[in-house]
């Protein structure tokens, strides 16, 4: 889909993950992200990503074990660790284990949401979506992100080539025939890429300063943001502090937009904005507002979002209406083919 649709979709899911501690809702978000990633991989004729499952096998037990051994709160005592061992000695409770599992599930949900963006959007589209004021930084970050899968692919090629020659990894010394070709290949590719970018004029900017109005807008925005923050610390005028903060943020956004308009920009190929993109944006905004402001949505039980296993474990509640509404995040599954750039 379009970059704006993906950003709205990801922001909506992150709002949901940060707004609830209910493991049932977190599990639904995780399953939605996995389903969308698998669907995109299928459209690209690629195997479904399995690294998230391997990460879950490591993160969930570790988070559960760490919280269980270090937090000794809860009514359901499983066992007692005797002695005076710092952090470890004391009762081991079921509630601490459940809370640790929820922490791991929340972390996995956030990672899965961001993994969709890495699968769905190629590096050149991420660079294109970078604001023009940060164009150089966006190109640098996009190149760095594109080097990660290339390095992993080159590592597999080197490992297969060494395996054909009869090389096996038994210790640390056996990794040298793998790392040395990988390092040399990465340096060679970096040099070739830097020469190609210099030949295309990257970084050859004109020696000119930003207009005075842009510098004034950025300075005023920072001053207003600082003033609003100080007013919020005083807690005397909350409405005034929010107004000053909003005005400062608006000045900074306007200044950055004008700074980007000064930079030359040419788009050779456009990603079409379709009705599916518009539908995804509308549903994502609506679902984000539902999780951010649950008390203002009729028919939604906001108490189900704030789940805690303390002081005694109980099963989390699940709102069927909210569960049905969360299916709106499956809108990317309606895409049956990748859009063609024009």
Protein backbone atom coordinates (compact mmCIF):
# COMPACT_ATOMS: atom_id res chain seq x y z
CA UNK A 1 0.00 0.00 0.00
CA UNK A 2 0.93 3.64 0.00
CA UNK A 3 3.49 4.83 2.54
CA UNK A 4 0.96 7.10 4.25
CA UNK A 5 -1.42 4.17 4.67
CA UNK A 6 1.31 2.01 6.19
CA UNK A 7 2.43 4.73 8.60
CA UNK A 8 -1.16 5.32 9.74
CA UNK A 9 -1.72 1.56 10.11
CA UNK A 10 1.44 1.09 12.18
CA UNK A 11 0.72 4.15 14.36
CA UNK A 12 -2.77 2.84 15.09
CA UNK A 13 -1.44 -0.57 16.14
CA UNK A 14 1.21 1.02 18.34
CA UNK A 15 -1.44 3.13 20.05
CA UNK A 16 -3.38 -0.05 20.78
CA UNK A 17 -0.30 -1.86 22.15
CA UNK A 18 0.63 1.07 24.38
CA UNK A 19 -2.97 1.58 25.58
CA UNK A 20 -3.69 -1.92 26.88
CA UNK A 21 -2.13 -4.54 29.10
CA UNK A 22 -4.73 -7.15 28.27
CA UNK A 23 -2.87 -10.18 26.86
CA UNK A 24 -5.85 -11.14 24.71
CA UNK A 25 -5.80 -7.84 22.82
CA UNK A 26 -2.01 -7.98 22.57
CA UNK A 27 -2.23 -11.48 21.13
CA UNK A 28 -4.76 -10.27 18.54
CA UNK A 29 -2.41 -7.45 17.49
CA UNK A 30 0.47 -9.92 17.24
CA UNK A 31 -1.55 -12.32 15.09
CA UNK A 32 -2.70 -9.49 12.83
CA UNK A 33 0.89 -8.33 12.28
CA UNK A 34 2.05 -11.89 11.53
CA UNK A 35 -0.84 -12.43 9.11
CA UNK A 36 -0.09 -9.21 7.23
CA UNK A 37 3.65 -9.99 7.06
CA UNK A 38 2.96 -13.47 5.71
CA UNK A 39 0.53 -12.07 3.13
CA UNK A 40 3.06 -9.51 1.88
CA UNK A 41 5.75 -12.19 1.66
CA UNK A 42 3.36 -14.34 -0.37
CA UNK A 43 2.71 -11.46 -2.78
CA UNK A 44 6.47 -11.06 -3.23
CA UNK A 45 6.89 -14.82 -3.78
CA UNK A 46 9.01 -15.06 -0.65
CA UNK A 47 8.84 -17.56 2.21
CA UNK A 48 6.87 -16.49 5.25
CA UNK A 49 9.12 -14.90 7.91
CA UNK A 50 9.80 -17.24 10.82
CA UNK A 51 12.29 -15.15 12.82
CA UNK A 52 9.51 -13.73 15.01
CA UNK A 53 8.59 -17.21 16.20
CA UNK A 54 12.22 -17.91 17.09
CA UNK A 55 12.40 -14.58 18.89
CA UNK A 56 9.23 -15.40 20.84
CA UNK A 57 10.77 -18.68 22.01
CA UNK A 58 13.58 -16.64 23.54
CA UNK A 59 11.78 -13.49 24.74
CA UNK A 60 8.68 -14.92 26.41
CA UNK A 61 10.43 -17.46 28.71
CA UNK A 62 13.19 -14.97 29.55
CA UNK A 63 10.76 -12.19 30.43
CA UNK A 64 8.60 -14.55 32.45
CA UNK A 65 11.54 -16.03 34.33
CA UNK A 66 13.14 -12.66 35.09
CA UNK A 67 9.94 -11.13 36.47
CA UNK A 68 9.09 -14.29 38.41
CA UNK A 69 12.46 -14.43 40.18
CA UNK A 70 12.81 -10.71 40.91
CA UNK A 71 9.24 -9.59 41.74
CA UNK A 72 7.82 -11.21 44.88
CA UNK A 73 4.30 -9.82 44.83
CA UNK A 74 1.07 -11.77 44.57
CA UNK A 75 -1.25 -13.99 46.55
CA UNK A 76 -0.72 -17.26 44.66
CA UNK A 77 2.63 -18.49 46.01
CA UNK A 78 4.20 -21.29 43.97
CA UNK A 79 7.37 -21.74 46.02
CA UNK A 80 9.72 -19.83 48.30
CA UNK A 81 13.40 -19.24 47.59
CA UNK A 82 15.16 -19.35 50.97
CA UNK A 83 18.18 -17.38 52.08
CA UNK A 84 19.23 -13.76 51.71
CA UNK A 85 20.07 -13.69 48.01
CA UNK A 86 19.48 -10.16 46.65
CA UNK A 87 16.45 -9.95 44.32
CA UNK A 88 15.97 -13.73 44.31
CA UNK A 89 15.10 -14.73 47.85
CA UNK A 90 11.40 -14.62 48.62
CA UNK A 91 8.10 -16.05 47.41
CA UNK A 92 7.70 -16.97 43.74
CA UNK A 93 4.15 -16.10 42.72
CA UNK A 94 1.94 -16.95 39.77
CA UNK A 95 0.98 -13.28 39.37
CA UNK A 96 4.62 -12.27 38.82
CA UNK A 97 5.00 -14.96 36.16
CA UNK A 98 1.87 -13.81 34.35
CA UNK A 99 2.96 -10.18 34.47
CA UNK A 100 6.37 -11.09 33.05
CA UNK A 101 4.71 -13.01 30.21
CA UNK A 102 2.55 -9.96 29.44
CA UNK A 103 5.68 -7.80 29.27
CA UNK A 104 7.24 -10.18 26.78
CA UNK A 105 4.04 -10.32 24.73
CA UNK A 106 3.87 -6.52 24.63
CA UNK A 107 7.48 -6.33 23.41
CA UNK A 108 6.83 -8.94 20.73
CA UNK A 109 3.75 -7.02 19.58
CA UNK A 110 5.76 -3.82 19.11
CA UNK A 111 8.51 -5.67 17.21
CA UNK A 112 5.99 -7.46 15.00
CA UNK A 113 4.29 -4.19 14.07
CA UNK A 114 7.57 -2.60 13.00
CA UNK A 115 8.57 -5.77 11.15
CA UNK A 116 5.59 -5.30 8.85
CA UNK A 117 7.03 -1.98 7.66
CA UNK A 118 10.40 -3.58 6.91
CA UNK A 119 8.71 -6.31 4.87
CA UNK A 120 6.14 -4.13 3.12
CA UNK A 121 8.18 -1.06 2.19
CA UNK A 122 11.41 -1.31 0.17
CA UNK A 123 14.27 0.93 1.17
CA UNK A 124 13.80 3.33 -1.74
CA UNK A 125 10.16 3.95 -0.74
CA UNK A 126 11.19 4.66 2.85
CA UNK A 127 13.76 7.14 1.58
CA UNK A 128 11.16 8.74 -0.67
CA UNK A 129 8.79 9.15 2.25
CA UNK A 130 11.40 10.93 4.35
CA UNK A 131 10.65 14.67 4.75
CA UNK A 132 12.79 16.79 2.45
CA UNK A 133 14.35 18.61 5.40
CA UNK A 134 15.90 15.27 6.46
CA UNK A 135 16.55 13.92 2.98
CA UNK A 136 20.27 13.26 3.50
CA UNK A 137 19.62 11.52 6.81
CA UNK A 138 16.84 9.47 5.21
CA UNK A 139 19.13 8.31 2.41
CA UNK A 140 21.82 7.33 4.91
CA UNK A 141 19.39 5.40 7.11
CA UNK A 142 17.80 3.73 4.07
CA UNK A 143 21.18 2.54 2.84
CA UNK A 144 22.06 1.26 6.32
CA UNK A 145 18.80 -0.68 6.51
CA UNK A 146 19.32 -2.16 3.06
CA UNK A 147 22.78 -3.42 4.09
CA UNK A 148 21.33 -5.68 6.80
CA UNK A 149 19.54 -8.18 4.50
CA UNK A 150 22.39 -7.97 1.99
CA UNK A 151 24.91 -8.86 4.70
CA UNK A 152 22.81 -11.79 5.89
CA UNK A 153 22.42 -13.05 2.33
CA UNK A 154 26.16 -12.74 1.71
CA UNK A 155 26.88 -14.61 4.96
CA UNK A 156 24.74 -17.52 3.76
CA UNK A 157 26.55 -17.53 0.41
CA UNK A 158 29.98 -17.54 2.06
CA UNK A 159 28.93 -20.28 4.48
CA UNK A 160 27.60 -22.45 1.65
CA UNK A 161 30.76 -21.89 -0.39
CA UNK A 162 32.98 -22.86 2.54
CA UNK A 163 30.81 -25.89 3.27
CA UNK A 164 31.34 -27.12 -0.29
CA UNK A 165 35.08 -26.92 0.35
CA UNK A 166 34.61 -29.09 3.45
CA UNK A 167 34.82 -26.36 6.07
CA UNK A 168 32.99 -26.98 9.33
CA UNK A 169 32.60 -24.67 12.33
CA UNK A 170 33.89 -26.26 15.51
CA UNK A 171 35.21 -23.25 17.43
CA UNK A 172 35.98 -19.57 17.30
CA UNK A 173 38.95 -20.01 14.97
CA UNK A 174 36.74 -21.69 12.39
CA UNK A 175 34.71 -18.50 12.02
CA UNK A 176 37.67 -16.63 10.47
CA UNK A 177 37.15 -18.11 6.95
CA UNK A 178 33.55 -16.88 7.16
CA UNK A 179 34.04 -13.40 8.59
CA UNK A 180 37.02 -12.40 6.47
CA UNK A 181 35.28 -12.81 3.05
CA UNK A 182 32.16 -11.23 4.52
CA UNK A 183 34.12 -8.19 5.74
CA UNK A 184 36.03 -7.79 2.48
CA UNK A 185 32.85 -8.08 0.43
CA UNK A 186 31.07 -5.52 2.59
CA UNK A 187 33.93 -3.03 2.29
CA UNK A 188 34.10 -3.51 -1.47
CA UNK A 189 30.37 -2.96 -1.85
CA UNK A 190 30.56 0.14 0.35
CA UNK A 191 33.30 1.63 -1.81
CA UNK A 192 31.38 0.93 -4.99
CA UNK A 193 28.23 2.46 -3.54
CA UNK A 194 30.04 5.58 -2.33
CA UNK A 195 31.66 6.09 -5.75
CA UNK A 196 28.31 5.68 -7.46
CA UNK A 197 26.65 8.20 -5.14
CA UNK A 198 29.43 10.74 -5.62
CA UNK A 199 29.17 10.30 -9.38
CA UNK A 200 25.46 11.07 -9.13
CA UNK A 201 26.11 14.25 -7.15
CA UNK A 202 24.99 13.12 -3.70
CA UNK A 203 26.17 15.60 -1.08
CA UNK A 204 27.15 18.24 -3.63
CA UNK A 205 24.90 20.89 -2.10
CA UNK A 206 25.23 24.58 -2.73
CA UNK A 207 26.87 26.73 -0.10
CA UNK A 208 23.81 28.59 1.08
CA UNK A 209 22.21 29.21 4.44
CA UNK A 210 18.58 28.71 5.31
CA UNK A 211 16.32 31.75 4.85
CA UNK A 212 15.82 33.96 7.89
CA UNK A 213 12.12 33.12 8.16
CA UNK A 214 12.88 29.41 8.53
CA UNK A 215 15.43 30.00 11.27
CA UNK A 216 13.01 32.36 13.00
CA UNK A 217 10.21 29.77 12.87
CA UNK A 218 12.43 27.03 14.30
CA UNK A 219 13.74 29.31 17.05
CA UNK A 220 10.21 30.45 17.94
CA UNK A 221 8.99 26.85 17.97
CA UNK A 222 11.75 25.72 20.31
CA UNK A 223 11.17 28.71 22.59
CA UNK A 224 7.43 28.04 22.73
CA UNK A 225 8.00 24.33 23.41
CA UNK A 226 10.35 25.18 26.28
CA UNK A 227 7.88 27.73 27.68
CA UNK A 228 5.03 25.26 27.50
CA UNK A 229 7.11 22.61 29.24
CA UNK A 230 7.98 25.02 32.06
CA UNK A 231 4.32 26.01 32.40
CA UNK A 232 3.31 22.34 32.61
CA UNK A 233 5.81 21.86 35.46
CA UNK A 234 4.22 24.75 37.31
CA UNK A 235 0.82 23.01 36.95
CA UNK A 236 -0.91 26.34 37.35
CA UNK A 237 -2.35 26.79 33.86
CA UNK A 238 -2.68 23.37 32.13
CA UNK A 239 -4.76 24.74 29.26
CA UNK A 240 -2.27 27.52 28.60
CA UNK A 241 0.69 25.12 28.70
CA UNK A 242 -0.96 22.77 26.17
CA UNK A 243 -1.76 25.72 23.92
CA UNK A 244 1.82 26.98 24.03
CA UNK A 245 3.17 23.48 23.36
CA UNK A 246 0.83 23.06 20.39
CA UNK A 247 1.86 26.46 19.01
CA UNK A 248 5.53 25.56 19.33
CA UNK A 249 5.03 22.24 17.60
CA UNK A 250 3.13 23.94 14.78
CA UNK A 251 5.95 26.47 14.29
CA UNK A 252 8.54 23.68 14.12
CA UNK A 253 6.48 21.68 11.61
CA UNK A 254 5.94 24.73 9.41
CA UNK A 255 9.64 25.59 9.57
CA UNK A 256 10.68 22.05 8.63
CA UNK A 257 8.20 22.01 5.77
CA UNK A 258 9.54 25.27 4.39
CA UNK A 259 13.11 24.04 4.85
CA UNK A 260 12.22 20.98 2.81
CA UNK A 261 10.65 23.06 0.05
CA UNK A 262 13.96 24.88 -0.41
CA UNK A 263 15.78 21.59 -1.17
CA UNK A 264 15.51 20.46 -4.80
CA UNK A 265 13.41 17.31 -5.17
CA UNK A 266 12.48 15.24 -8.21
CA UNK A 267 10.17 12.22 -8.23
CA UNK A 268 10.63 9.85 -11.13
CA UNK A 269 8.08 7.21 -10.19
CA UNK A 270 4.93 7.70 -8.13
CA UNK A 271 3.19 5.13 -5.93
CA UNK A 272 -0.56 5.34 -6.73
CA UNK A 273 -2.90 6.17 -3.87
CA UNK A 274 -5.86 3.79 -4.17
CA UNK A 275 -9.23 3.42 -2.49
CA UNK A 276 -7.81 0.59 -0.39
CA UNK A 277 -5.21 3.01 0.99
CA UNK A 278 -7.94 5.49 1.88
CA UNK A 279 -9.99 2.73 3.55
CA UNK A 280 -6.95 1.59 5.55
CA UNK A 281 -6.26 5.14 6.74
CA UNK A 282 -9.86 5.73 7.81
CA UNK A 283 -10.13 2.42 9.68
CA UNK A 284 -6.72 2.84 11.31
CA UNK A 285 -7.54 6.32 12.58
CA UNK A 286 -10.89 5.12 13.91
CA UNK A 287 -9.34 2.14 15.72
CA UNK A 288 -6.56 4.31 17.12
CA UNK A 289 -9.16 6.68 18.57
CA UNK A 290 -11.11 3.73 20.01
CA UNK A 291 -8.07 2.55 21.98
CA UNK A 292 -6.89 6.06 22.88
CA UNK A 293 -10.34 7.27 24.01
CA UNK A 294 -12.30 4.12 24.95
CA UNK A 295 -14.56 5.94 27.41
CA UNK A 296 -15.98 8.10 24.61
CA UNK A 297 -16.99 5.13 22.44
CA UNK A 298 -20.45 3.74 23.23
CA UNK A 299 -20.68 -0.01 23.65
CA UNK A 300 -16.99 -0.47 24.49
CA UNK A 301 -15.95 -1.68 27.94
CA UNK A 302 -12.84 0.40 28.75
CA UNK A 303 -12.13 -1.65 31.89
CA UNK A 304 -10.99 -4.58 29.75
CA UNK A 305 -7.96 -2.59 28.50
CA UNK A 306 -6.38 -2.08 31.93
CA UNK A 307 -5.69 -5.66 32.99
CA UNK A 308 -3.38 -6.59 35.85
CA UNK A 309 -2.89 -10.03 37.45
CA UNK A 310 -2.26 -8.52 40.89
CA UNK A 311 -3.07 -9.08 43.70
CA UNK A 312 -4.64 -12.44 42.73
CA UNK A 313 -4.59 -13.92 39.26
CA UNK A 314 -7.81 -13.87 37.28
CA UNK A 315 -8.57 -14.47 33.64
CA UNK A 316 -8.56 -11.29 31.51
CA UNK A 317 -11.86 -10.04 30.13
CA UNK A 318 -12.46 -9.64 26.42
CA UNK A 319 -14.92 -7.27 24.77
CA UNK A 320 -16.41 -9.05 21.72
CA UNK A 321 -17.35 -5.74 20.04
CA UNK A 322 -13.80 -4.43 20.35
CA UNK A 323 -12.47 -7.75 19.05
CA UNK A 324 -14.66 -7.46 15.96
CA UNK A 325 -13.55 -3.87 15.40
CA UNK A 326 -9.91 -4.95 15.56
CA UNK A 327 -10.46 -6.99 12.42
CA UNK A 328 -10.39 -3.69 10.56
CA UNK A 329 -6.58 -3.88 10.82
CA UNK A 330 -6.71 -6.79 8.37
CA UNK A 331 -7.42 -4.35 5.53
CA UNK A 332 -3.95 -4.93 3.95
CA UNK A 333 -5.02 -8.53 3.33
CA UNK A 334 -7.43 -7.24 0.70
CA UNK A 335 -4.47 -6.40 -1.53
CA UNK A 336 -4.18 -9.20 -4.07
CA UNK A 337 -1.24 -7.82 -6.02
CA UNK A 338 1.53 -5.33 -5.49
CA UNK A 339 0.87 -1.82 -6.88
CA UNK A 340 2.82 -0.82 -9.93
CA UNK A 341 4.87 2.37 -9.75
CA UNK A 342 4.01 4.91 -12.43
